C-alpha atoms as a PDB file:
ATOM      1  CA  MET A   1       1.633 -14.327  19.885  1.00  0.00           C
ATOM      2  CA  ALA A   2       1.978 -11.092  21.828  1.00  0.00           C
ATOM      3  CA  ALA A   3       3.392  -9.380  18.733  1.00  0.00           C
ATOM      4  CA  ILE A   4       0.562 -10.668  16.565  1.00  0.00           C
ATOM      5  CA  PHE A   5      -2.140  -9.557  18.978  1.00  0.00           C
ATOM      6  CA  GLY A   6      -0.305  -6.281  19.545  1.00  0.00           C
ATOM      7  CA  ALA A   7      -0.388  -5.586  15.811  1.00  0.00           C
ATOM      8  CA  ILE A   8      -4.194  -5.537  15.723  1.00  0.00           C
ATOM      9  CA  PRO A   9      -4.706  -2.344  17.793  1.00  0.00           C
ATOM     10  CA  PHE A  10      -1.610  -0.822  16.193  1.00  0.00           C
ATOM     11  CA  LEU A  11      -3.061  -1.193  12.700  1.00  0.00           C
ATOM     12  CA  ASP A  12      -6.393   0.176  13.868  1.00  0.00           C
ATOM     13  CA  ALA A  13      -4.609   3.189  15.372  1.00  0.00           C
ATOM     14  CA  VAL A  14      -2.777   3.800  12.081  1.00  0.00           C
ATOM     15  CA  VAL A  15      -6.083   3.708  10.186  1.00  0.00           C
ATOM     16  CA  VAL A  16      -7.694   6.125  12.658  1.00  0.00           C
ATOM     17  CA  ARG A  17      -4.742   8.503  12.617  1.00  0.00           C
ATOM     18  CA  TYR A  18      -3.949   8.678   8.902  1.00  0.00           C
ATOM     19  CA  VAL A  19      -7.229   7.991   7.082  1.00  0.00           C
ATOM     20  CA  ASP A  20      -9.972  10.548   6.537  1.00  0.00           C
ATOM     21  CA  ASP A  21     -13.257   9.889   8.360  1.00  0.00           C
ATOM     22  CA  ARG A  22     -15.186   9.439   5.101  1.00  0.00           C
ATOM     23  CA  MET A  23     -12.823   6.686   3.883  1.00  0.00           C
ATOM     24  CA  ARG A  24     -12.159   4.916   7.184  1.00  0.00           C
ATOM     25  CA  SER A  25     -14.746   2.129   6.817  1.00  0.00           C
ATOM     26  CA  ARG A  26     -13.551   1.340   3.288  1.00  0.00           C
ATOM     27  CA  VAL A  27      -9.918   1.210   4.354  1.00  0.00           C
ATOM     28  CA  ALA A  28     -10.765  -0.966   7.362  1.00  0.00           C
ATOM     29  CA  GLY A  29     -12.724  -3.341   5.127  1.00  0.00           C
ATOM     30  CA  ILE A  30      -9.896  -3.571   2.608  1.00  0.00           C
ATOM     31  CA  ARG A  31      -7.401  -4.169   5.430  1.00  0.00           C
ATOM     32  CA  ILE A  32      -9.508  -7.020   6.808  1.00  0.00           C
ATOM     33  CA  ALA A  33     -10.016  -8.568   3.354  1.00  0.00           C
ATOM     34  CA  ILE A  34      -6.280  -8.461   2.627  1.00  0.00           C
ATOM     35  CA  SER A  35      -5.458  -9.841   6.078  1.00  0.00           C
ATOM     36  CA  PHE A  36      -7.803 -12.804   5.685  1.00  0.00           C
ATOM     37  CA  GLY A  37      -6.613 -13.459   2.132  1.00  0.00           C
ATOM     38  CA  VAL A  38      -2.923 -13.335   2.974  1.00  0.00           C
ATOM     39  CA  SER A  39      -3.325 -15.335   6.173  1.00  0.00           C
ATOM     40  CA  GLY A  40      -5.256 -18.039   4.331  1.00  0.00           C
ATOM     41  CA  ILE A  41      -2.585 -18.311   1.672  1.00  0.00           C
ATOM     42  CA  ALA A  42       0.202 -18.215   4.278  1.00  0.00           C
ATOM     43  CA  VAL A  43      -1.299 -21.080   6.274  1.00  0.00           C
ATOM     44  CA  PHE A  44      -1.736 -23.123   3.088  1.00  0.00           C
ATOM     45  CA  LEU A  45       1.856 -22.554   1.916  1.00  0.00           C
ATOM     46  CA  LEU A  46       3.665 -22.687   5.250  1.00  0.00           C
ATOM     47  CA  GLY A  47       3.940 -26.486   5.514  1.00  0.00           C
ATOM     48  CA  PRO A  48       5.349 -27.182   2.040  1.00  0.00           C
ATOM     49  CA  ILE A  49       7.732 -24.219   2.167  1.00  0.00           C
ATOM     50  CA  VAL A  50       9.178 -25.189   5.551  1.00  0.00           C
ATOM     51  CA  LYS A  51       9.439 -28.806   4.436  1.00  0.00           C
ATOM     52  CA  ALA A  52      11.327 -27.817   1.271  1.00  0.00           C
ATOM     53  CA  THR A  53      13.626 -25.087   2.634  1.00  0.00           C
ATOM     54  CA  GLY A  54      13.897 -25.677   6.358  1.00  0.00           C
ATOM     55  CA  PHE A  55      12.921 -23.838   9.501  1.00  0.00           C
ATOM     56  CA  GLU A  56      16.011 -21.604   9.470  1.00  0.00           C
ATOM     57  CA  THR A  57      15.037 -20.137   6.090  1.00  0.00           C
ATOM     58  CA  LEU A  58      11.556 -19.428   7.425  1.00  0.00           C
ATOM     59  CA  LEU A  59      12.947 -17.527  10.405  1.00  0.00           C
ATOM     60  CA  ILE A  60      15.326 -15.529   8.210  1.00  0.00           C
ATOM     61  CA  SER A  61      12.531 -14.575   5.818  1.00  0.00           C
ATOM     62  CA  MET A  62      10.290 -13.551   8.727  1.00  0.00           C
ATOM     63  CA  THR A  63      13.127 -11.416  10.079  1.00  0.00           C
ATOM     64  CA  LEU A  64      13.530  -9.709   6.708  1.00  0.00           C
ATOM     65  CA  ILE A  65       9.794  -9.026   6.525  1.00  0.00           C
ATOM     66  CA  ALA A  66       9.848  -7.538  10.045  1.00  0.00           C
ATOM     67  CA  CYS A  67      12.828  -5.306   9.150  1.00  0.00           C
ATOM     68  CA  PHE A  68      11.123  -4.160   5.956  1.00  0.00           C
ATOM     69  CA  THR A  69       7.970  -3.344   7.936  1.00  0.00           C
ATOM     70  CA  ALA A  70       9.920  -1.357  10.525  1.00  0.00           C
ATOM     71  CA  PHE A  71      11.741   0.525   7.767  1.00  0.00           C
ATOM     72  CA  THR A  72       8.449   1.315   6.033  1.00  0.00           C
ATOM     73  CA  LEU A  73       6.981   2.671   9.265  1.00  0.00           C
ATOM     74  CA  THR A  74       9.726   5.273   9.427  1.00  0.00           C
ATOM     75  CA  TRP A  75       8.276   6.813   6.246  1.00  0.00           C
ATOM     76  CA  LEU A  76       4.951   7.639   7.912  1.00  0.00           C
ATOM     77  CA  PRO A  77       4.489  11.362   8.474  1.00  0.00           C
ATOM     78  CA  SER A  78       4.959  12.758  11.961  1.00  0.00           C
ATOM     79  CA  GLU A  79       2.037  14.158  13.925  1.00  0.00           C
ATOM     80  CA  ARG A  80       3.495  17.653  13.589  1.00  0.00           C
ATOM     81  CA  ARG A  81       3.461  17.440   9.785  1.00  0.00           C
ATOM     82  CA  ILE A  82      -0.103  16.142   9.794  1.00  0.00           C
ATOM     83  CA  ALA A  83      -1.277  18.925  12.111  1.00  0.00           C
ATOM     84  CA  SER A  84       0.419  21.596   9.986  1.00  0.00           C
ATOM     85  CA  ALA A  85      -1.143  20.149   6.810  1.00  0.00           C
ATOM     86  CA  ILE A  86      -4.581  20.190   8.433  1.00  0.00           C
ATOM     87  CA  LEU A  87      -4.123  23.798   9.527  1.00  0.00           C
ATOM     88  CA  ARG A  88      -2.929  24.756   6.065  1.00  0.00           C
ATOM     89  CA  ASN A  89      -5.995  23.148   4.461  1.00  0.00           C
ATOM     90  CA  GLN A  90      -8.355  24.841   6.917  1.00  0.00           C
ATOM     91  CA  ASN A  91      -6.821  28.272   6.221  1.00  0.00           C
ATOM     92  CA  GLN A  92      -7.267  27.941   2.454  1.00  0.00           C
END
């Protein structure tokens, strides 16, 4: 539960850091819509999937999803690259 509740401010920080001010409300709205849609489908499918495949398969798949998420986060640009891109755009 701590990881789930810790993800909420983390995602908000990512939106604030990497999304332009003019698009921030749209991105936040899309993020919330996707979150509610996926969570609704996940809750609906969780029981039958665990019953058919077992709890061990569920934990392995959740581990793979977490690893994929961590790997994807390494592709985000560093703050130095963002600052240099902003300075480059302001100088043009």
